[in-house]
């Protein structure tokens, strides 16, 4: 998520070997950081132009990720005024960086925090702590929920149940606190 500014010339130079490898191998997985950074910024610009949401996978979820590099705050480049028209949805609670995600949703008018998928990975008490952080800092109108379940139908149901139960628990705490 640590996006850096990349000029068109540098992106074109990075594209050439990727293109050649794709033609040779018949498939493609872009792993060139300069090219990825350029394309991500271009996608955010297009999202702003069309005023359609763009989603970013943050935090846990894929076995090949480097957990030290998935803090949503690392997306700082796209939070600048130049991209303010792009609705940005940060997925997966940013876990274990939920507080960063909530802060970004609170500070930037176009950033939304989705607390999905995490309920499929963490136990009830930890899930309550995560949702407590999100609800405590992010505006309620900026919080989104998904299960991010896939393949197994029961995971949708389990994710929705855990999400509702946890959100109810956190809201009950807020009501009890007045």
N, C-alpha and C. Protein backbone atom coordinates (compact mmCIF):
# COMPACT_ATOMS: atom_id res chain seq x y z
N UNK A 1 0.81 -1.21 0.00
CA UNK A 1 0.00 0.00 0.00
C UNK A 1 0.84 1.27 0.00
N UNK A 2 2.14 1.12 0.03
CA UNK A 2 3.03 2.28 0.08
C UNK A 2 3.23 2.83 -1.33
N UNK A 3 2.24 3.55 -1.82
CA UNK A 3 2.26 4.07 -3.18
C UNK A 3 3.16 5.30 -3.24
N UNK A 4 3.99 5.32 -4.28
CA UNK A 4 4.89 6.45 -4.53
C UNK A 4 4.51 7.09 -5.86
N UNK A 5 4.74 8.39 -6.00
CA UNK A 5 4.47 9.01 -7.30
C UNK A 5 5.43 8.48 -8.37
N UNK A 6 4.89 8.16 -9.52
CA UNK A 6 5.68 7.63 -10.64
C UNK A 6 5.27 8.39 -11.90
N UNK A 7 6.24 8.92 -12.61
CA UNK A 7 5.97 9.63 -13.85
C UNK A 7 5.66 8.69 -15.00
N UNK A 8 5.10 9.26 -16.05
CA UNK A 8 4.71 8.47 -17.22
C UNK A 8 5.92 7.77 -17.85
N UNK A 9 7.06 8.44 -17.93
CA UNK A 9 8.25 7.83 -18.55
C UNK A 9 8.73 6.62 -17.75
N UNK A 10 8.76 6.75 -16.44
CA UNK A 10 9.19 5.63 -15.58
C UNK A 10 8.19 4.47 -15.68
N UNK A 11 6.90 4.79 -15.76
CA UNK A 11 5.89 3.74 -15.90
C UNK A 11 6.03 3.03 -17.25
N UNK A 12 6.31 3.80 -18.30
CA UNK A 12 6.49 3.20 -19.63
C UNK A 12 7.71 2.27 -19.64
N UNK A 13 8.78 2.69 -18.98
CA UNK A 13 9.98 1.85 -18.90
C UNK A 13 9.68 0.57 -18.12
N UNK A 14 8.90 0.67 -17.07
CA UNK A 14 8.55 -0.50 -16.26
C UNK A 14 7.58 -1.42 -17.01
N UNK A 15 6.77 -0.84 -17.88
CA UNK A 15 5.79 -1.63 -18.64
C UNK A 15 6.45 -2.55 -19.66
N UNK A 16 7.52 -2.10 -20.27
CA UNK A 16 8.14 -2.84 -21.37
C UNK A 16 8.48 -4.29 -21.00
N UNK A 17 9.24 -4.56 -19.90
CA UNK A 17 9.54 -5.96 -19.57
C UNK A 17 8.30 -6.75 -19.14
N UNK A 18 7.34 -6.08 -18.53
CA UNK A 18 6.10 -6.77 -18.14
C UNK A 18 5.35 -7.21 -19.39
N UNK A 19 5.27 -6.33 -20.35
CA UNK A 19 4.59 -6.64 -21.61
C UNK A 19 5.29 -7.79 -22.35
N UNK A 20 6.62 -7.72 -22.41
CA UNK A 20 7.37 -8.78 -23.08
C UNK A 20 7.17 -10.13 -22.40
N UNK A 21 7.19 -10.15 -21.08
CA UNK A 21 6.99 -11.40 -20.33
C UNK A 21 5.58 -11.94 -20.56
N UNK A 22 4.58 -11.06 -20.60
CA UNK A 22 3.20 -11.49 -20.82
C UNK A 22 3.04 -12.10 -22.21
N UNK A 23 3.66 -11.49 -23.20
CA UNK A 23 3.58 -12.03 -24.57
C UNK A 23 4.28 -13.39 -24.64
N UNK A 24 5.41 -13.50 -23.97
CA UNK A 24 6.18 -14.75 -24.00
C UNK A 24 5.45 -15.87 -23.26
N UNK A 25 4.94 -15.56 -22.05
CA UNK A 25 4.36 -16.58 -21.18
C UNK A 25 2.87 -16.80 -21.41
N UNK A 26 2.20 -15.84 -22.05
CA UNK A 26 0.76 -15.96 -22.28
C UNK A 26 -0.08 -15.64 -21.07
N UNK A 27 0.52 -15.15 -20.00
CA UNK A 27 -0.20 -14.77 -18.79
C UNK A 27 0.47 -13.57 -18.16
N UNK A 28 -0.15 -13.06 -17.12
CA UNK A 28 0.39 -11.84 -16.55
C UNK A 28 0.05 -11.71 -15.07
N UNK A 29 1.06 -11.38 -14.29
CA UNK A 29 0.89 -10.91 -12.92
C UNK A 29 1.85 -9.75 -12.78
N UNK A 30 1.29 -8.57 -12.61
CA UNK A 30 2.13 -7.37 -12.54
C UNK A 30 2.75 -7.29 -11.15
N UNK A 31 4.06 -7.36 -11.09
CA UNK A 31 4.78 -7.26 -9.82
C UNK A 31 5.74 -6.07 -9.81
N UNK A 32 5.74 -5.29 -10.87
CA UNK A 32 6.60 -4.11 -10.97
C UNK A 32 6.00 -2.99 -10.13
N UNK A 33 6.68 -2.64 -9.04
CA UNK A 33 6.14 -1.61 -8.14
C UNK A 33 5.93 -0.28 -8.85
N UNK A 34 6.88 0.22 -9.66
CA UNK A 34 6.62 1.50 -10.34
C UNK A 34 5.38 1.44 -11.24
N UNK A 35 5.21 0.33 -11.95
CA UNK A 35 4.05 0.21 -12.83
C UNK A 35 2.77 0.12 -12.01
N UNK A 36 2.79 -0.68 -10.96
CA UNK A 36 1.60 -0.78 -10.10
C UNK A 36 1.24 0.57 -9.49
N UNK A 37 2.23 1.28 -8.97
CA UNK A 37 1.97 2.60 -8.37
C UNK A 37 1.35 3.54 -9.39
N UNK A 38 1.88 3.56 -10.60
CA UNK A 38 1.35 4.42 -11.65
C UNK A 38 -0.09 4.05 -11.98
N UNK A 39 -0.35 2.75 -12.13
CA UNK A 39 -1.69 2.29 -12.48
C UNK A 39 -2.70 2.54 -11.37
N UNK A 40 -2.28 2.39 -10.13
CA UNK A 40 -3.19 2.64 -9.01
C UNK A 40 -3.59 4.11 -8.98
N UNK A 41 -2.63 5.00 -9.13
CA UNK A 41 -2.95 6.43 -9.14
C UNK A 41 -3.87 6.75 -10.32
N UNK A 42 -3.59 6.16 -11.49
CA UNK A 42 -4.46 6.37 -12.65
C UNK A 42 -5.88 5.88 -12.37
N UNK A 43 -6.00 4.74 -11.69
CA UNK A 43 -7.33 4.20 -11.34
C UNK A 43 -8.05 5.12 -10.37
N UNK A 44 -7.33 5.68 -9.40
CA UNK A 44 -7.95 6.62 -8.45
C UNK A 44 -8.39 7.89 -9.19
N UNK A 45 -7.58 8.36 -10.12
CA UNK A 45 -7.95 9.53 -10.92
C UNK A 45 -9.23 9.25 -11.71
N UNK A 46 -9.32 8.06 -12.30
CA UNK A 46 -10.52 7.69 -13.06
C UNK A 46 -11.72 7.54 -12.14
N UNK A 47 -11.50 6.99 -10.95
CA UNK A 47 -12.56 6.88 -9.96
C UNK A 47 -13.09 8.27 -9.61
N UNK A 48 -12.19 9.22 -9.43
CA UNK A 48 -12.59 10.60 -9.12
C UNK A 48 -13.37 11.20 -10.30
N UNK A 49 -12.88 10.98 -11.50
CA UNK A 49 -13.55 11.53 -12.68
C UNK A 49 -14.97 11.00 -12.82
N UNK A 50 -15.14 9.71 -12.59
CA UNK A 50 -16.46 9.10 -12.74
C UNK A 50 -17.29 9.14 -11.46
N UNK A 51 -16.65 9.54 -10.36
CA UNK A 51 -17.30 9.57 -9.04
C UNK A 51 -17.87 8.20 -8.67
N UNK A 52 -17.07 7.16 -8.91
CA UNK A 52 -17.43 5.81 -8.50
C UNK A 52 -16.42 5.33 -7.47
N UNK A 53 -16.85 4.53 -6.52
CA UNK A 53 -15.93 4.07 -5.47
C UNK A 53 -14.81 3.19 -6.00
N UNK A 54 -13.68 3.30 -5.34
CA UNK A 54 -12.56 2.41 -5.59
C UNK A 54 -12.22 1.75 -4.26
N UNK A 55 -12.01 0.45 -4.28
CA UNK A 55 -11.76 -0.30 -3.05
C UNK A 55 -10.30 -0.70 -2.95
N UNK A 56 -9.80 -0.66 -1.70
CA UNK A 56 -8.44 -1.10 -1.43
C UNK A 56 -8.46 -2.17 -0.36
N UNK A 57 -7.86 -3.31 -0.69
CA UNK A 57 -7.69 -4.40 0.27
C UNK A 57 -6.63 -3.94 1.28
N UNK A 58 -7.00 -3.86 2.53
CA UNK A 58 -6.04 -3.46 3.57
C UNK A 58 -6.00 -4.55 4.64
N UNK A 59 -4.90 -4.61 5.34
CA UNK A 59 -4.78 -5.57 6.43
C UNK A 59 -4.73 -7.00 5.96
N UNK A 60 -5.26 -7.89 6.79
CA UNK A 60 -5.15 -9.33 6.58
C UNK A 60 -5.90 -9.82 5.35
N UNK A 61 -5.67 -11.07 5.02
CA UNK A 61 -6.48 -11.70 4.01
C UNK A 61 -5.77 -12.57 3.00
N UNK A 62 -4.58 -12.20 2.59
CA UNK A 62 -3.88 -12.99 1.59
C UNK A 62 -2.58 -13.53 2.17
N UNK A 63 -2.27 -14.79 1.87
CA UNK A 63 -1.08 -15.39 2.46
C UNK A 63 0.24 -14.81 1.95
N UNK A 64 0.21 -14.12 0.81
CA UNK A 64 1.46 -13.59 0.26
C UNK A 64 1.73 -12.13 0.64
N UNK A 65 0.92 -11.58 1.53
CA UNK A 65 1.14 -10.18 1.90
C UNK A 65 2.20 -10.03 2.98
N UNK A 66 2.78 -8.84 3.02
CA UNK A 66 3.73 -8.48 4.07
C UNK A 66 2.96 -7.61 5.05
N UNK A 67 2.63 -8.17 6.21
CA UNK A 67 1.77 -7.49 7.17
C UNK A 67 2.32 -6.13 7.61
N UNK A 68 3.62 -5.93 7.50
CA UNK A 68 4.20 -4.64 7.89
C UNK A 68 3.93 -3.56 6.85
N UNK A 69 3.37 -3.94 5.69
CA UNK A 69 3.18 -2.96 4.62
C UNK A 69 1.72 -2.79 4.23
N UNK A 70 0.79 -3.23 5.07
CA UNK A 70 -0.62 -3.16 4.71
C UNK A 70 -1.43 -2.21 5.59
N UNK A 71 -0.74 -1.32 6.29
CA UNK A 71 -1.43 -0.28 7.07
C UNK A 71 -2.07 0.68 6.07
N UNK A 72 -3.39 0.91 6.15
CA UNK A 72 -4.04 1.79 5.18
C UNK A 72 -3.48 3.22 5.17
N UNK A 73 -2.84 3.63 6.24
CA UNK A 73 -2.23 4.97 6.26
C UNK A 73 -1.12 5.09 5.23
N UNK A 74 -0.58 3.96 4.76
CA UNK A 74 0.48 3.99 3.75
C UNK A 74 -0.04 4.48 2.40
N UNK A 75 -1.34 4.55 2.23
CA UNK A 75 -1.93 5.06 1.00
C UNK A 75 -1.96 6.59 0.96
N UNK A 76 -1.16 7.23 1.78
CA UNK A 76 -1.22 8.67 1.98
C UNK A 76 -1.25 9.47 0.69
N UNK A 77 -0.58 9.02 -0.36
CA UNK A 77 -0.54 9.74 -1.62
C UNK A 77 -1.95 10.00 -2.17
N UNK A 78 -2.83 9.01 -2.08
CA UNK A 78 -4.17 9.16 -2.67
C UNK A 78 -5.15 9.88 -1.74
N UNK A 79 -4.70 10.27 -0.56
CA UNK A 79 -5.58 11.02 0.33
C UNK A 79 -5.41 12.53 0.14
N UNK A 80 -4.58 12.93 -0.81
CA UNK A 80 -4.34 14.35 -1.05
C UNK A 80 -5.57 14.98 -1.70
N UNK A 81 -5.61 16.29 -1.69
CA UNK A 81 -6.74 17.03 -2.26
C UNK A 81 -6.99 16.68 -3.72
N UNK A 82 -5.95 16.32 -4.45
CA UNK A 82 -6.08 16.03 -5.88
C UNK A 82 -7.05 14.88 -6.16
N UNK A 83 -7.24 14.00 -5.18
CA UNK A 83 -8.09 12.82 -5.39
C UNK A 83 -9.35 12.85 -4.53
N UNK A 84 -9.69 14.01 -3.99
CA UNK A 84 -10.80 14.12 -3.04
C UNK A 84 -12.14 13.70 -3.64
N UNK A 85 -12.29 13.74 -4.97
CA UNK A 85 -13.57 13.35 -5.58
C UNK A 85 -13.72 11.83 -5.70
N UNK A 86 -12.67 11.09 -5.42
CA UNK A 86 -12.73 9.63 -5.54
C UNK A 86 -13.22 9.03 -4.22
N UNK A 87 -14.39 8.39 -4.21
CA UNK A 87 -14.81 7.69 -2.99
C UNK A 87 -13.90 6.47 -2.78
N UNK A 88 -13.20 6.44 -1.67
CA UNK A 88 -12.23 5.39 -1.39
C UNK A 88 -12.75 4.51 -0.26
N UNK A 89 -12.88 3.22 -0.53
CA UNK A 89 -13.36 2.26 0.46
C UNK A 89 -12.18 1.39 0.89
N UNK A 90 -11.87 1.45 2.16
CA UNK A 90 -10.79 0.63 2.73
C UNK A 90 -11.42 -0.63 3.30
N UNK A 91 -11.00 -1.78 2.79
CA UNK A 91 -11.62 -3.05 3.14
C UNK A 91 -10.90 -3.78 4.27
N UNK A 92 -11.62 -4.70 4.89
CA UNK A 92 -11.10 -5.71 5.82
C UNK A 92 -10.65 -5.13 7.15
N UNK A 93 -11.25 -4.04 7.55
CA UNK A 93 -10.97 -3.42 8.86
C UNK A 93 -9.54 -2.94 9.00
N UNK A 94 -8.75 -3.06 7.95
CA UNK A 94 -7.35 -2.68 8.04
C UNK A 94 -6.57 -3.52 9.04
N UNK A 95 -7.17 -4.59 9.51
CA UNK A 95 -6.62 -5.38 10.60
C UNK A 95 -5.19 -5.84 10.31
N UNK A 96 -4.29 -5.62 11.20
CA UNK A 96 -4.42 -5.15 12.59
C UNK A 96 -4.32 -3.64 12.75
N UNK A 97 -4.58 -2.89 11.68
CA UNK A 97 -4.46 -1.43 11.70
C UNK A 97 -5.83 -0.76 11.69
N UNK A 98 -6.77 -1.28 12.47
CA UNK A 98 -8.13 -0.74 12.48
C UNK A 98 -8.17 0.72 12.91
N UNK A 99 -7.35 1.09 13.85
CA UNK A 99 -7.34 2.49 14.32
C UNK A 99 -6.91 3.43 13.20
N UNK A 100 -5.92 3.04 12.41
CA UNK A 100 -5.49 3.86 11.27
C UNK A 100 -6.65 4.02 10.29
N UNK A 101 -7.34 2.94 10.02
CA UNK A 101 -8.45 2.97 9.08
C UNK A 101 -9.57 3.89 9.58
N UNK A 102 -9.90 3.79 10.85
CA UNK A 102 -10.93 4.64 11.43
C UNK A 102 -10.52 6.12 11.38
N UNK A 103 -9.26 6.38 11.66
CA UNK A 103 -8.75 7.75 11.60
C UNK A 103 -8.88 8.32 10.19
N UNK A 104 -8.51 7.53 9.18
CA UNK A 104 -8.60 8.00 7.80
C UNK A 104 -10.05 8.30 7.42
N UNK A 105 -10.98 7.46 7.84
CA UNK A 105 -12.40 7.71 7.56
C UNK A 105 -12.88 8.97 8.28
N UNK A 106 -12.32 9.24 9.44
CA UNK A 106 -12.71 10.45 10.19
C UNK A 106 -12.11 11.72 9.59
N UNK A 107 -10.92 11.63 9.05
CA UNK A 107 -10.20 12.82 8.59
C UNK A 107 -10.46 13.20 7.14
N UNK A 108 -10.80 12.23 6.31
CA UNK A 108 -10.95 12.51 4.89
C UNK A 108 -12.39 12.26 4.46
N UNK A 109 -13.03 13.27 3.86
CA UNK A 109 -14.46 13.15 3.55
C UNK A 109 -14.80 12.07 2.53
N UNK A 110 -13.84 11.61 1.76
CA UNK A 110 -14.11 10.63 0.71
C UNK A 110 -13.66 9.21 1.08
N UNK A 111 -13.26 9.00 2.33
CA UNK A 111 -12.75 7.70 2.75
C UNK A 111 -13.77 6.99 3.63
N UNK A 112 -14.02 5.73 3.32
CA UNK A 112 -14.98 4.90 4.06
C UNK A 112 -14.27 3.66 4.59
N UNK A 113 -14.71 3.20 5.75
CA UNK A 113 -14.09 2.05 6.43
C UNK A 113 -15.05 0.87 6.42
N UNK A 114 -14.62 -0.22 5.81
CA UNK A 114 -15.42 -1.45 5.76
C UNK A 114 -14.88 -2.43 6.79
N UNK A 115 -15.74 -2.85 7.71
CA UNK A 115 -15.28 -3.88 8.65
C UNK A 115 -15.84 -5.23 8.22
N UNK A 116 -15.25 -5.73 7.16
CA UNK A 116 -15.61 -7.04 6.64
C UNK A 116 -14.41 -7.96 6.71
N UNK A 117 -14.66 -9.18 6.51
CA UNK A 117 -13.71 -10.29 6.50
C UNK A 117 -13.11 -10.57 7.88
N UNK A 118 -12.79 -9.56 8.64
CA UNK A 118 -12.11 -9.78 9.91
C UNK A 118 -12.93 -10.68 10.83
N UNK A 119 -14.26 -10.61 10.75
CA UNK A 119 -15.09 -11.45 11.63
C UNK A 119 -14.94 -12.93 11.32
N UNK A 120 -14.39 -13.25 10.16
CA UNK A 120 -14.16 -14.66 9.82
C UNK A 120 -12.83 -15.17 10.36
N UNK A 121 -11.98 -14.26 10.86
CA UNK A 121 -10.63 -14.63 11.28
C UNK A 121 -10.36 -14.47 12.78
N UNK A 122 -11.07 -13.59 13.44
CA UNK A 122 -10.74 -13.31 14.84
C UNK A 122 -11.88 -13.76 15.75
N UNK A 123 -11.54 -14.02 17.00
CA UNK A 123 -12.52 -14.46 17.99
C UNK A 123 -13.39 -13.29 18.44
N UNK A 124 -14.50 -13.60 19.09
CA UNK A 124 -15.49 -12.61 19.49
C UNK A 124 -14.94 -11.41 20.25
N UNK A 125 -14.11 -11.65 21.27
CA UNK A 125 -13.59 -10.53 22.05
C UNK A 125 -12.71 -9.61 21.24
N UNK A 126 -11.86 -10.19 20.40
CA UNK A 126 -11.02 -9.37 19.53
C UNK A 126 -11.85 -8.62 18.51
N UNK A 127 -12.88 -9.26 17.97
CA UNK A 127 -13.75 -8.60 17.02
C UNK A 127 -14.44 -7.41 17.67
N UNK A 128 -14.89 -7.58 18.91
CA UNK A 128 -15.52 -6.47 19.63
C UNK A 128 -14.54 -5.31 19.80
N UNK A 129 -13.30 -5.60 20.12
CA UNK A 129 -12.29 -4.54 20.28
C UNK A 129 -12.06 -3.80 18.96
N UNK A 130 -12.04 -4.53 17.86
CA UNK A 130 -11.83 -3.92 16.54
C UNK A 130 -13.00 -3.01 16.19
N UNK A 131 -14.21 -3.52 16.33
CA UNK A 131 -15.40 -2.73 16.00
C UNK A 131 -15.52 -1.54 16.95
N UNK A 132 -15.14 -1.73 18.21
CA UNK A 132 -15.15 -0.62 19.17
C UNK A 132 -14.24 0.51 18.69
N UNK A 133 -13.05 0.16 18.19
CA UNK A 133 -12.13 1.19 17.67
C UNK A 133 -12.73 1.90 16.46
N UNK A 134 -13.32 1.14 15.56
CA UNK A 134 -13.90 1.75 14.36
C UNK A 134 -15.06 2.66 14.70
N UNK A 135 -16.00 2.17 15.51
CA UNK A 135 -17.17 2.95 15.88
C UNK A 135 -16.78 4.16 16.74
N UNK A 136 -15.73 4.00 17.54
CA UNK A 136 -15.31 5.09 18.42
C UNK A 136 -14.65 6.25 17.70
N UNK A 137 -14.11 6.02 16.52
CA UNK A 137 -13.36 7.08 15.84
C UNK A 137 -13.97 7.48 14.50
N UNK A 138 -14.39 6.54 13.71
CA UNK A 138 -14.94 6.86 12.39
C UNK A 138 -16.39 7.32 12.52
N UNK A 139 -16.80 8.29 11.73
CA UNK A 139 -18.22 8.68 11.74
C UNK A 139 -19.10 7.50 11.32
N UNK A 140 -20.24 7.36 11.96
CA UNK A 140 -21.14 6.24 11.65
C UNK A 140 -21.51 6.19 10.17
N UNK A 141 -21.63 7.35 9.53
CA UNK A 141 -22.00 7.39 8.12
C UNK A 141 -20.88 6.92 7.20
N UNK A 142 -19.69 6.70 7.76
CA UNK A 142 -18.54 6.28 6.96
C UNK A 142 -18.19 4.81 7.19
N UNK A 143 -18.96 4.12 8.04
CA UNK A 143 -18.70 2.70 8.31
C UNK A 143 -19.55 1.83 7.40
N UNK A 144 -18.92 0.83 6.83
CA UNK A 144 -19.59 -0.12 5.95
C UNK A 144 -19.36 -1.53 6.49
N UNK A 145 -20.24 -2.43 6.11
CA UNK A 145 -20.09 -3.82 6.56
C UNK A 145 -20.20 -4.77 5.39
N UNK A 146 -19.34 -5.75 5.39
CA UNK A 146 -19.44 -6.86 4.44
C UNK A 146 -18.95 -8.11 5.16
N UNK A 147 -19.31 -9.25 4.63
CA UNK A 147 -18.77 -10.48 5.21
C UNK A 147 -17.48 -10.86 4.50
N UNK A 148 -17.36 -10.48 3.24
CA UNK A 148 -16.24 -10.86 2.39
C UNK A 148 -16.10 -12.38 2.32
N UNK A 149 -17.19 -13.05 2.56
CA UNK A 149 -17.19 -14.51 2.46
C UNK A 149 -17.14 -14.92 1.00
N UNK A 150 -16.69 -16.12 0.77
CA UNK A 150 -16.69 -16.64 -0.59
C UNK A 150 -16.73 -18.16 -0.57
N UNK A 151 -17.25 -18.71 -1.61
CA UNK A 151 -17.27 -20.14 -1.88
C UNK A 151 -18.18 -20.95 -0.97
N UNK A 152 -18.12 -20.77 0.33
CA UNK A 152 -18.91 -21.58 1.25
C UNK A 152 -20.11 -20.74 1.73
N UNK A 153 -21.34 -21.10 1.35
CA UNK A 153 -22.50 -20.28 1.69
C UNK A 153 -22.65 -20.00 3.19
N UNK A 154 -22.28 -20.96 4.01
CA UNK A 154 -22.43 -20.77 5.46
C UNK A 154 -21.57 -19.62 5.97
N UNK A 155 -20.46 -19.32 5.29
CA UNK A 155 -19.60 -18.22 5.73
C UNK A 155 -20.30 -16.87 5.64
N UNK A 156 -21.18 -16.69 4.64
CA UNK A 156 -21.95 -15.45 4.54
C UNK A 156 -22.83 -15.30 5.78
N UNK A 157 -23.51 -16.37 6.13
CA UNK A 157 -24.40 -16.35 7.28
C UNK A 157 -23.62 -16.13 8.57
N UNK A 158 -22.54 -16.90 8.75
CA UNK A 158 -21.73 -16.76 9.97
C UNK A 158 -21.14 -15.36 10.08
N UNK A 159 -20.63 -14.82 8.97
CA UNK A 159 -20.07 -13.48 8.98
C UNK A 159 -21.10 -12.42 9.33
N UNK A 160 -22.30 -12.54 8.74
CA UNK A 160 -23.36 -11.58 9.02
C UNK A 160 -23.80 -11.68 10.48
N UNK A 161 -23.92 -12.89 11.00
CA UNK A 161 -24.31 -13.06 12.41
C UNK A 161 -23.27 -12.45 13.35
N UNK A 162 -22.01 -12.75 13.10
CA UNK A 162 -20.94 -12.21 13.95
C UNK A 162 -20.88 -10.69 13.86
N UNK A 163 -21.06 -10.16 12.67
CA UNK A 163 -21.04 -8.70 12.50
C UNK A 163 -22.19 -8.03 13.23
N UNK A 164 -23.40 -8.55 13.09
CA UNK A 164 -24.57 -7.97 13.77
C UNK A 164 -24.42 -8.06 15.29
N UNK A 165 -24.02 -9.22 15.76
CA UNK A 165 -23.86 -9.44 17.20
C UNK A 165 -22.82 -8.48 17.78
N UNK A 166 -21.71 -8.34 17.10
CA UNK A 166 -20.63 -7.49 17.59
C UNK A 166 -21.02 -6.03 17.53
N UNK A 167 -21.63 -5.60 16.44
CA UNK A 167 -22.07 -4.21 16.33
C UNK A 167 -23.11 -3.90 17.41
N UNK A 168 -24.02 -4.83 17.67
CA UNK A 168 -25.01 -4.65 18.74
C UNK A 168 -24.34 -4.52 20.09
N UNK A 169 -23.34 -5.35 20.36
CA UNK A 169 -22.60 -5.30 21.63
C UNK A 169 -21.94 -3.93 21.81
N UNK A 170 -21.30 -3.43 20.77
CA UNK A 170 -20.61 -2.13 20.85
C UNK A 170 -21.63 -1.00 21.01
N UNK A 171 -22.73 -1.05 20.27
CA UNK A 171 -23.76 -0.01 20.43
C UNK A 171 -24.37 -0.06 21.83
N UNK A 172 -24.59 -1.25 22.37
CA UNK A 172 -25.10 -1.38 23.74
C UNK A 172 -24.15 -0.70 24.73
N UNK A 173 -22.84 -0.86 24.53
CA UNK A 173 -21.86 -0.20 25.40
C UNK A 173 -22.00 1.32 25.32
N UNK A 174 -22.14 1.84 24.10
CA UNK A 174 -22.28 3.29 23.94
C UNK A 174 -23.58 3.80 24.58
N UNK A 175 -24.64 3.06 24.43
CA UNK A 175 -25.92 3.45 25.05
C UNK A 175 -25.80 3.42 26.56
N UNK A 176 -25.15 2.38 27.10
CA UNK A 176 -24.96 2.28 28.55
C UNK A 176 -24.11 3.43 29.09
N UNK A 177 -23.18 3.92 28.25
CA UNK A 177 -22.34 5.05 28.65
C UNK A 177 -23.04 6.38 28.48
N UNK A 178 -24.25 6.34 27.97
CA UNK A 178 -25.01 7.56 27.81
C UNK A 178 -24.72 8.30 26.53
